Protein backbone atom coordinates (compact mmCIF):
# COMPACT_ATOMS: atom_id res chain seq x y z
CA MET A 1 -28.46 10.53 -15.22
CA ARG A 2 -30.06 7.30 -13.94
CA ARG A 3 -26.60 5.72 -13.58
CA LEU A 4 -25.34 8.79 -11.69
CA ARG A 5 -28.31 8.67 -9.29
CA CYS A 6 -27.71 4.95 -8.61
CA GLU A 7 -24.02 5.52 -7.98
CA THR A 8 -24.79 8.44 -5.66
CA ARG A 9 -27.20 6.30 -3.61
CA ALA A 10 -24.57 3.56 -3.30
CA ALA A 11 -21.96 6.06 -2.11
CA VAL A 12 -24.36 7.50 0.48
CA LEU A 13 -25.06 3.98 1.76
CA VAL A 14 -21.34 3.37 2.30
CA LEU A 15 -21.01 6.72 4.07
CA LEU A 16 -23.84 5.79 6.44
CA LEU A 17 -22.03 2.56 7.27
CA VAL A 18 -18.92 4.56 8.14
CA ILE A 19 -20.58 6.81 10.68
CA THR A 20 -22.44 4.00 12.45
CA PRO A 21 -21.31 4.10 16.13
CA THR A 22 -18.59 1.60 17.02
CA VAL A 23 -17.35 0.61 20.47
CA VAL A 24 -13.65 0.63 21.25
CA VAL A 25 -12.33 -1.54 24.06
CA THR A 26 -9.24 -1.02 26.16
CA THR A 27 -9.04 -3.99 28.51
CA PRO A 28 -6.48 -4.64 31.21
CA ILE A 29 -6.09 -8.38 31.65
CA GLY A 30 -5.13 -9.50 35.11
CA ILE A 31 -2.25 -11.86 35.69
CA GLY A 32 -3.71 -15.26 36.41
CA ALA A 33 -5.30 -17.32 33.66
CA VAL A 34 -2.82 -16.05 31.09
CA ASP A 35 0.36 -15.11 32.93
CA LEU A 36 2.11 -14.12 29.72
CA ILE A 37 -0.27 -11.22 28.95
CA GLU A 38 0.09 -8.15 31.16
CA ARG A 39 -2.16 -5.75 29.23
CA ALA A 40 -4.31 -5.83 26.09
CA GLU A 41 -5.64 -2.92 24.06
CA ALA A 42 -8.02 -2.97 21.11
CA SER A 43 -8.56 -0.05 18.75
CA ALA A 44 -9.54 0.65 15.17
CA LEU A 45 -9.53 3.14 12.34
CA VAL A 46 -12.60 3.42 10.13
CA GLU A 47 -12.30 5.33 6.89
CA MET A 48 -14.53 6.12 3.96
CA GLU A 49 -13.31 7.77 0.77
CA ALA A 50 -15.17 8.36 -2.47
CA GLY A 51 -13.50 9.31 -5.75
CA VAL A 52 -15.46 10.78 -8.67
CA GLN A 53 -14.00 11.45 -12.12
CA THR A 54 -14.26 15.11 -13.05
CA ARG A 55 -14.61 14.25 -16.73
CA ASP A 56 -17.89 12.32 -16.58
CA ALA A 57 -18.99 12.28 -12.90
CA ARG A 58 -18.38 8.53 -12.80
CA PHE A 59 -17.44 7.05 -9.45
CA GLN A 60 -13.99 5.46 -9.39
CA LYS A 61 -14.57 4.14 -5.89
CA ALA A 62 -16.61 4.50 -2.72
CA GLU A 63 -14.58 2.59 -0.17
CA LEU A 64 -15.30 1.72 3.41
CA ILE A 65 -12.16 0.53 5.19
CA ALA A 66 -11.88 -0.82 8.72
CA LEU A 67 -8.46 -1.30 10.31
CA PRO A 68 -8.86 -3.20 13.60
CA ARG A 69 -5.76 -3.37 15.80
CA PHE A 70 -4.73 -5.13 18.98
CA ASP A 71 -1.67 -4.57 21.15
CA LEU A 72 -0.61 -6.98 23.86
CA GLU A 73 2.03 -6.15 26.45
CA LEU A 74 3.70 -9.41 27.36
CA ALA A 75 5.94 -10.52 30.19
CA GLY A 76 9.65 -9.89 29.74
CA ASN A 77 9.17 -6.46 28.06
CA MET A 78 7.79 -8.13 24.95
CA SER A 79 4.79 -6.97 22.92
CA LEU A 80 2.56 -8.39 20.20
CA THR A 81 0.77 -6.24 17.62
CA GLY A 82 -1.78 -7.23 15.00
CA ILE A 83 -3.44 -5.05 12.36
CA GLY A 84 -6.11 -6.20 9.94
CA ARG A 85 -7.92 -4.54 7.07
CA VAL A 86 -11.40 -5.11 5.73
CA ARG A 87 -12.24 -3.11 2.61
CA LEU A 88 -15.61 -2.69 0.88
CA ASP A 89 -15.96 -0.84 -2.43
CA ALA A 90 -19.45 -0.09 -3.71
CA PHE A 91 -18.35 -0.02 -7.36
CA ASP A 92 -15.44 -2.50 -7.74
CA ARG A 93 -13.72 -0.54 -10.51
CA LEU A 94 -10.15 -0.33 -9.22
CA ASP A 95 -9.58 -4.10 -9.55
CA PRO A 96 -12.81 -5.62 -10.93
CA GLY A 97 -13.75 -9.11 -9.85
CA GLN A 98 -11.24 -11.16 -7.89
CA PRO A 99 -7.79 -10.87 -9.54
CA ARG A 100 -5.38 -13.76 -8.82
CA LEU A 101 -2.47 -11.56 -7.61
CA PRO A 102 0.29 -14.04 -8.61
CA TRP A 103 3.03 -11.52 -7.73
CA VAL A 104 2.17 -11.59 -4.00
CA ALA A 105 3.12 -14.67 -1.94
CA ASN A 106 0.21 -16.68 -0.64
CA GLY A 107 0.95 -15.80 3.00
CA SER A 108 0.91 -12.06 2.28
CA ARG A 109 -1.98 -11.90 -0.17
CA ARG A 110 -5.31 -10.21 0.50
CA ARG A 111 -8.39 -12.44 0.32
CA TYR A 112 -11.76 -11.76 -1.27
CA LEU A 113 -15.07 -11.94 0.53
CA TRP A 114 -16.81 -11.25 -2.80
CA ASP A 115 -16.11 -9.03 -5.80
CA HIS A 116 -16.70 -5.84 -3.83
CA ALA A 117 -14.89 -6.74 -0.61
CA ASP A 118 -11.55 -8.11 0.56
CA TRP A 119 -9.73 -8.63 3.84
CA GLU A 120 -6.08 -8.83 4.76
CA LEU A 121 -3.82 -9.41 7.73
CA ARG A 122 -1.80 -6.23 7.36
CA GLU A 123 0.69 -6.71 10.18
CA LEU A 124 1.36 -9.25 12.92
CA TYR A 125 4.68 -8.93 14.74
CA LEU A 126 6.33 -9.71 18.04
CA ARG A 127 8.79 -7.25 19.56
CA ALA A 128 11.27 -8.67 22.07
CA PRO A 129 14.50 -7.44 23.68
CA LEU A 130 17.64 -9.51 23.12
CA GLY A 131 20.12 -8.01 25.55
CA ARG A 132 20.73 -4.48 24.25
CA ALA A 133 19.32 -5.42 20.85
CA HIS A 134 15.68 -5.50 19.81
CA LEU A 135 13.98 -8.09 17.61
CA THR A 136 10.83 -7.50 15.55
CA LEU A 137 9.56 -10.79 14.17
CA GLY A 138 6.58 -11.23 11.87
CA LYS A 139 4.62 -9.45 9.14
CA GLN A 140 5.63 -5.79 9.13
CA GLN A 141 6.64 -2.67 7.20
CA VAL A 142 10.28 -1.59 7.10
CA VAL A 143 10.74 2.03 5.99
CA TRP A 144 14.03 3.22 4.51
CA GLY A 145 14.42 6.74 3.13
CA GLU A 146 12.38 9.92 3.57
CA ALA A 147 11.44 11.01 0.05
CA ASP A 148 7.85 12.22 -0.48
CA GLY A 149 5.55 11.50 -3.40
CA LEU A 150 7.97 9.15 -5.16
CA LYS A 151 10.21 6.40 -3.82
CA VAL A 152 13.97 6.01 -4.11
CA LEU A 153 15.18 4.05 -1.07
CA ASP A 154 11.83 3.01 0.42
CA ILE A 155 11.91 -0.35 -1.38
CA VAL A 156 12.20 -3.04 1.28
CA ASN A 157 8.44 -3.59 1.00
CA PRO A 158 6.78 -3.85 -2.41
CA GLN A 159 3.90 -1.56 -3.29
CA SER A 160 0.33 -2.00 -4.45
CA PHE A 161 -0.39 -0.01 -7.62
CA ARG A 162 -4.11 -0.80 -7.45
CA GLU A 163 -4.63 2.97 -7.20
CA PHE A 164 -1.41 3.97 -9.01
CA ILE A 165 0.60 6.13 -6.53
CA LEU A 166 -2.43 7.97 -5.09
CA ASP A 167 -2.71 5.89 -1.92
CA ASP A 168 -0.67 6.85 1.15
CA PHE A 169 2.68 5.04 1.36
CA GLU A 170 1.68 3.32 4.60
CA ASP A 171 -1.49 1.95 2.99
CA SER A 172 0.06 1.00 -0.36
CA ARG A 173 3.06 -0.86 1.05
CA ILE A 174 2.68 -4.64 1.13
CA PRO A 175 3.85 -5.79 4.58
CA LEU A 176 6.23 -8.77 4.48
CA TRP A 177 7.10 -11.58 6.86
CA THR A 178 10.46 -10.35 8.15
CA VAL A 179 13.11 -10.95 10.79
CA ASN A 180 14.20 -7.45 11.84
CA LEU A 181 17.04 -7.15 14.37
CA GLU A 182 18.20 -3.71 15.59
CA ILE A 183 21.51 -3.54 17.47
CA PRO A 184 22.83 -0.38 19.22
CA LEU A 185 26.36 0.49 18.09
CA GLY A 186 27.77 3.45 20.02
CA PRO A 187 25.94 6.58 18.83
CA GLY A 188 24.21 4.67 16.03
CA ASP A 189 22.24 1.52 15.27
CA LEU A 190 22.72 -1.49 13.01
CA GLN A 191 19.60 -3.03 11.49
CA LEU A 192 19.75 -6.54 10.00
CA LEU A 193 16.92 -7.90 7.86
CA TRP A 194 15.98 -11.33 6.59
CA VAL A 195 12.85 -11.37 4.41
CA PRO A 196 11.71 -14.92 3.55
CA ASP A 197 8.64 -13.58 1.71
CA PRO A 198 8.82 -13.67 -2.12
CA SER A 199 6.23 -10.95 -2.76
CA PHE A 200 6.52 -8.21 -5.37
CA HIS A 201 4.70 -5.09 -6.57
CA GLU A 202 0.97 -5.66 -6.96
CA LEU A 203 0.19 -4.50 -10.49
CA PRO A 204 -3.18 -2.90 -11.28
CA ALA A 205 -5.85 -4.89 -13.07
CA GLU A 206 -5.75 -4.37 -16.84
CA ASP A 207 -9.45 -3.49 -16.84
CA GLY A 208 -9.18 -1.39 -13.69
CA VAL A 209 -9.37 2.39 -13.49
CA PHE A 210 -5.57 2.66 -13.21
CA GLY A 211 -4.57 -0.22 -15.48
CA PHE A 212 -1.24 0.64 -17.12
CA ARG A 213 -1.39 2.17 -20.62
CA SER A 214 2.01 3.84 -20.95
CA PRO A 215 4.48 2.01 -23.26
CA ARG A 216 7.09 2.43 -20.51
CA LEU A 217 5.12 0.05 -18.30
CA LEU A 218 4.04 -2.51 -20.91
CA PRO A 219 5.86 -5.13 -23.03
CA PRO A 220 7.78 -3.58 -25.95
CA ARG A 221 6.09 -3.56 -29.33
CA ILE A 222 8.30 -5.36 -31.84
CA LEU A 223 7.69 -4.28 -35.43
CA GLY A 224 6.00 -6.97 -37.50
CA THR A 225 4.92 -9.12 -34.54
CA VAL A 226 1.83 -9.58 -32.43
CA PRO A 227 2.55 -9.06 -28.67
CA LEU A 228 1.37 -11.80 -26.31
CA LEU A 229 1.68 -12.00 -22.52
CA VAL A 230 1.85 -15.70 -21.72
CA GLY A 231 2.15 -15.71 -17.93
CA VAL A 232 3.84 -14.73 -14.68
CA ASP A 233 6.81 -16.63 -13.25
CA PRO A 234 7.74 -15.15 -9.85
CA PRO A 235 10.28 -16.79 -7.53
CA GLY A 236 8.40 -18.86 -4.98
CA ASN A 237 10.85 -20.43 -2.52
CA ALA A 238 10.68 -18.58 0.79
CA PHE A 239 14.25 -19.50 1.78
CA ARG A 240 16.18 -19.69 -1.47
CA ASP A 241 14.53 -16.54 -2.82
CA SER A 242 14.57 -14.49 0.39
CA ASP A 243 16.06 -10.98 0.65
CA LEU A 244 18.85 -9.87 2.98
CA GLY A 245 19.51 -6.31 4.14
CA ALA A 246 21.51 -4.17 6.53
CA ARG A 247 21.35 -0.50 7.54
CA LEU A 248 23.78 1.46 9.70
CA THR A 249 22.44 4.78 11.04
CA GLY A 250 24.16 7.44 13.08
CA PHE A 251 24.92 11.10 13.69
CA LEU A 252 28.23 12.73 12.76
CA GLY A 253 29.26 16.38 12.49
CA GLY A 254 25.69 17.64 12.64
CA PHE A 255 24.48 15.20 9.96
CA ASP A 256 22.13 12.25 10.31
CA PHE A 257 23.35 9.51 8.00
CA SER A 258 22.71 5.94 6.97
CA PHE A 259 24.49 3.30 4.91
CA ASN A 260 22.17 0.71 3.38
CA TYR A 261 22.63 -2.61 1.62
CA LEU A 262 19.93 -4.89 0.22
CA TYR A 263 20.27 -8.13 -1.71
CA GLN A 264 16.87 -8.65 -3.26
CA TYR A 265 14.78 -9.57 -6.22
CA ASP A 266 13.80 -6.25 -7.79
CA ASP A 267 10.08 -5.78 -7.09
CA ARG A 268 9.61 -4.35 -10.57
CA PRO A 269 8.72 -7.08 -13.08
CA VAL A 270 10.76 -7.85 -16.18
CA PHE A 271 9.12 -8.66 -19.51
CA GLN A 272 11.23 -11.60 -20.71
CA GLY A 273 10.58 -11.84 -24.45
CA LEU A 274 10.72 -14.54 -27.09
CA LEU A 275 10.23 -14.09 -30.84
CA THR A 276 8.29 -17.00 -32.25
CA THR A 277 5.58 -17.98 -34.72
CA ILE A 278 2.13 -19.12 -33.61
CA ASP A 279 -0.20 -20.51 -36.29
CA GLY A 280 1.94 -18.82 -38.91
CA VAL A 281 1.74 -15.41 -37.21
CA PRO A 282 5.02 -13.76 -36.06
CA THR A 283 4.62 -13.28 -32.33
CA SER A 284 6.57 -11.60 -29.54
CA SER A 285 5.56 -13.52 -26.41
CA PHE A 286 6.44 -12.24 -22.94
CA THR A 287 6.63 -13.74 -19.47
CA LEU A 288 6.72 -11.60 -16.33
CA THR A 289 9.83 -12.58 -14.37
CA TYR A 290 11.99 -11.07 -11.62
CA GLU A 291 15.76 -10.59 -11.36
CA ARG A 292 18.26 -10.34 -8.50
CA THR A 293 20.14 -7.14 -7.75
CA HIS A 294 22.48 -5.72 -5.12
CA LEU A 295 21.44 -2.34 -3.79
CA ILE A 296 24.02 -0.06 -2.13
CA ALA A 297 22.70 3.22 -0.77
CA GLY A 298 23.11 6.05 1.70
CA THR A 299 21.21 9.00 3.16
CA LEU A 300 22.31 12.31 4.63
CA SER A 301 20.37 15.18 6.25
CA ASN A 302 21.02 18.31 8.30
CA ALA A 303 19.12 21.39 9.43
CA PHE A 304 20.47 24.89 8.76
CA GLY A 305 18.14 27.27 10.58
CA ASN A 306 14.76 27.10 8.84
CA LEU A 307 16.12 24.93 6.03
CA THR A 308 16.58 21.15 6.17
CA VAL A 309 18.71 19.56 3.44
CA ARG A 310 18.37 15.83 2.81
CA GLY A 311 19.49 13.40 0.19
CA GLU A 312 19.35 9.74 -0.80
CA VAL A 313 21.63 7.91 -3.24
CA VAL A 314 20.94 4.39 -4.52
CA TYR A 315 23.16 2.22 -6.75
CA ARG A 316 21.75 -0.98 -8.25
CA THR A 317 24.12 -3.48 -9.81
CA ASP A 318 21.49 -4.88 -12.18
CA ARG A 319 18.48 -3.16 -13.70
CA PHE A 320 16.76 -5.17 -16.43
CA LEU A 321 14.88 -3.08 -18.99
CA SER A 322 12.77 -4.00 -21.99
CA THR A 323 14.12 -3.16 -25.42
CA THR A 324 12.84 -3.29 -28.99
CA ASP A 325 16.33 -4.34 -30.16
CA VAL A 326 15.79 -7.93 -31.33
CA ARG A 327 19.54 -8.61 -31.06
CA GLN A 328 19.28 -8.48 -27.27
CA PRO A 329 18.73 -11.88 -25.56
CA ASP A 330 15.18 -12.13 -24.16
CA LEU A 331 14.56 -8.58 -25.46
CA LEU A 332 16.18 -7.30 -22.25
CA HIS A 333 19.12 -5.05 -21.45
CA ASP A 334 20.96 -5.34 -18.13
CA THR A 335 22.57 -2.16 -16.81
CA PRO A 336 23.70 -0.71 -13.48
CA GLU A 337 21.50 2.17 -12.32
CA LEU A 338 22.33 5.19 -10.16
CA GLY A 339 19.45 7.11 -8.60
CA TYR A 340 19.22 9.93 -6.12
CA VAL A 341 16.90 12.50 -4.59
CA LEU A 342 17.88 15.91 -3.22
CA GLY A 343 15.30 17.50 -0.91
CA LEU A 344 15.00 21.01 0.55
CA ASP A 345 12.46 21.57 3.35
CA TRP A 346 11.83 25.19 4.38
CA TYR A 347 10.02 26.14 7.61
CA GLY A 348 10.53 29.91 7.37
CA LEU A 349 6.85 30.83 7.80
CA SER A 350 4.79 30.02 10.87
CA ASP A 351 2.91 26.69 10.63
CA THR A 352 4.12 26.29 7.04
CA LEU A 353 6.29 23.81 5.17
CA VAL A 354 7.54 24.20 1.61
CA SER A 355 9.45 21.23 0.22
CA PHE A 356 11.25 20.81 -3.11
CA GLN A 357 12.73 17.54 -4.41
CA LEU A 358 14.82 16.58 -7.42
CA PHE A 359 14.72 12.91 -8.44
CA GLN A 360 17.07 11.53 -11.06
CA SER A 361 17.78 8.03 -12.34
CA TRP A 362 20.78 7.40 -14.62
CA LEU A 363 21.41 4.21 -16.56
CA LEU A 364 25.17 3.66 -16.58
CA ASP A 365 25.10 1.44 -19.68
CA ASP A 366 22.94 2.77 -22.50
CA ALA A 367 21.59 0.66 -25.36
CA PRO A 368 19.37 1.16 -28.43
CA GLY A 369 15.68 0.40 -28.25
CA LEU A 370 15.14 1.11 -24.52
CA LEU A 371 11.66 2.25 -23.54
CA ARG A 372 12.96 5.03 -21.26
CA ASP A 373 15.57 7.77 -21.49
CA ARG A 374 19.03 7.15 -20.12
CA LEU A 375 18.57 10.06 -17.67
CA ASP A 376 15.13 10.25 -16.11
CA THR A 377 14.22 13.36 -14.07
CA ASN A 378 11.24 14.15 -11.86
CA LEU A 379 10.59 17.25 -9.76
CA THR A 380 8.21 17.61 -6.82
CA LEU A 381 6.95 20.62 -4.93
CA TYR A 382 4.94 20.27 -1.73
CA ALA A 383 3.38 23.03 0.36
CA GLU A 384 1.52 22.70 3.65
CA HIS A 385 -0.06 25.29 5.94
CA ARG A 386 -1.87 24.64 9.23
CA LEU A 387 -4.50 26.87 10.86
CA TRP A 388 -6.68 26.94 13.96
CA ASN A 389 -4.27 25.09 16.26
CA ASP A 390 -3.54 22.49 13.58
CA ARG A 391 -7.21 21.59 13.11
CA LEU A 392 -7.21 22.77 9.49
CA LYS A 393 -4.49 21.63 7.07
CA LEU A 394 -4.09 22.99 3.55
CA GLU A 395 -1.67 21.09 1.33
CA ALA A 396 -0.75 20.58 -2.29
CA LEU A 397 1.69 18.26 -4.07
CA TRP A 398 2.98 18.72 -7.61
CA ILE A 399 4.96 15.98 -9.39
CA HIS A 400 6.45 16.76 -12.82
CA SER A 401 8.42 14.60 -15.24
CA THR A 402 10.82 16.67 -17.35
CA ASN A 403 11.29 13.81 -19.82
CA ALA A 404 7.66 13.27 -20.83
CA GLN A 405 6.46 16.73 -19.74
CA ASP A 406 3.63 15.15 -17.77
CA GLY A 407 2.74 15.12 -14.12
CA LEU A 408 0.25 15.12 -11.26
CA VAL A 409 -1.22 17.89 -9.08
CA ARG A 410 -2.88 17.02 -5.74
CA PRO A 411 -4.49 19.81 -3.65
CA LYS A 412 -6.18 18.72 -0.43
CA VAL A 413 -7.92 20.27 2.58
CA THR A 414 -8.23 18.31 5.85
CA TYR A 415 -10.26 19.42 8.87
CA GLU A 416 -10.31 17.85 12.34
CA LEU A 417 -13.94 17.95 13.47
CA ARG A 418 -12.95 16.61 16.87
CA SER A 419 -10.19 14.48 18.32
CA GLY A 420 -9.93 11.33 16.22
CA LEU A 421 -12.40 12.47 13.53
CA ASP A 422 -11.01 14.01 10.32
CA VAL A 423 -12.71 14.93 7.06
CA TRP A 424 -11.04 15.94 3.82
CA VAL A 425 -11.66 16.96 0.25
CA GLY A 426 -9.15 17.06 -2.59
CA PHE A 427 -8.39 16.59 -6.28
CA ASP A 428 -5.99 14.37 -8.25
CA VAL A 429 -5.26 15.98 -11.62
CA PHE A 430 -3.05 14.35 -14.28
CA TYR A 431 -1.66 16.19 -17.29
CA GLY A 432 0.70 15.77 -20.21
CA ASP A 433 1.66 13.23 -22.89
CA SER A 434 -0.77 10.29 -22.95
CA GLU A 435 2.18 7.89 -23.31
CA GLY A 436 3.85 9.18 -20.16
CA VAL A 437 3.70 7.49 -16.78
CA PHE A 438 1.42 10.27 -15.44
CA GLY A 439 -0.18 11.44 -18.66
CA GLN A 440 -1.60 7.95 -19.36
CA PHE A 441 -4.24 8.76 -16.74
CA GLY A 442 -5.28 12.11 -18.22
CA SER A 443 -8.88 10.90 -18.39
CA ARG A 444 -8.80 9.73 -14.76
CA ASP A 445 -8.77 13.13 -13.01
CA ARG A 446 -10.93 12.96 -9.91
CA GLY A 447 -12.26 14.70 -6.87
CA VAL A 448 -12.12 12.88 -3.54
CA ILE A 449 -13.97 13.29 -0.27
CA GLY A 450 -13.33 11.26 2.83
CA VAL A 451 -13.73 10.82 6.55
CA GLN A 452 -11.61 8.93 9.09
CA LEU A 453 -12.63 7.98 12.61
CA ALA A 454 -10.16 6.72 15.21
CA LEU A 455 -11.76 4.42 17.74
């Protein structure tokens, strides 16, 4: 009880910091001293969210987050945008201490103020017209695909799994230094990407609340050996290891479509294994590495009355998976992978959305000893209803894996107290096999309460 009282006092302290009045400035800058700048605007989002485990009333987090932003309108129809993030957590349990983050490039990495606080330059990009084309240059997010809850095509930017998949996509994406050129082509657009930023998924701390425990996400256990993770070896040359991408979007016969191509290092790490003997003990040692792949994809969507049908298809030429088959070099199996999502969004009731999605991933070349099934299937169901002129939003998301029979349920209620001030309460409930991707967090069910203020 003493620990609970201390944690409650700490959470209340963070909440008081959130609601402290803050001044927002919108400042026109006259042409004169700085002829390049025509107008400057400063704004911010301040957010506090606390998460408490339902099992033992233990706080997972009590975070205060500030997202300052500036926008400069420049001469020549150019603009410059910068977004930062300062984050303070009263309990430091999601990623205890100051993890090294070797999978994120130095120029994209968050920095620590102390164990309980970090800061990060989230985005900094220049937008400039080039004839009919438009260039976005700098640290940014590039969003491909429209799937909810889980990702299929939204993979240009890696993701932070510090909080598993519970954080919003916009907050969990790791922005990358990117050259993004968009060129009008008749009724459509061509987007060209060059990403000289060798950053990858940020994995959760092993001793963190959402440290991975599922065998699907850990090095394979080889019978008769002791597993040992010896290090991380990510690509580190910004030019040689950069990614290249292209997307063509358009509208044809009532359908919105896109064709996508991405030449990248897969952001998911590979456990490259070696069977050896250390001090007379048979050992399976693993190094986290990353492998190249070509991604070819497409999207299609159309509205039929109250029903919108959408789909994404992704083909990867190379998907490296861990195996317990010791005959495989490096304890890895390389296979093409075909994935897709089919989504149905229904708007048949006033102020209501009901959305169903089917996700499937199929390994085209099967092999013994793989840590996942050849066909992997997930289902999602999302429902949303708005009341009181959109001031009250009721929503719930259900994600279910048919392979492991585990999943996640996320009900949430959000209320707009006034313009720019929202409060919410919700739950994140995991269920199923403890070795499943979702079931591994069965003891991490939580309730959340939060507030966000736009300044």
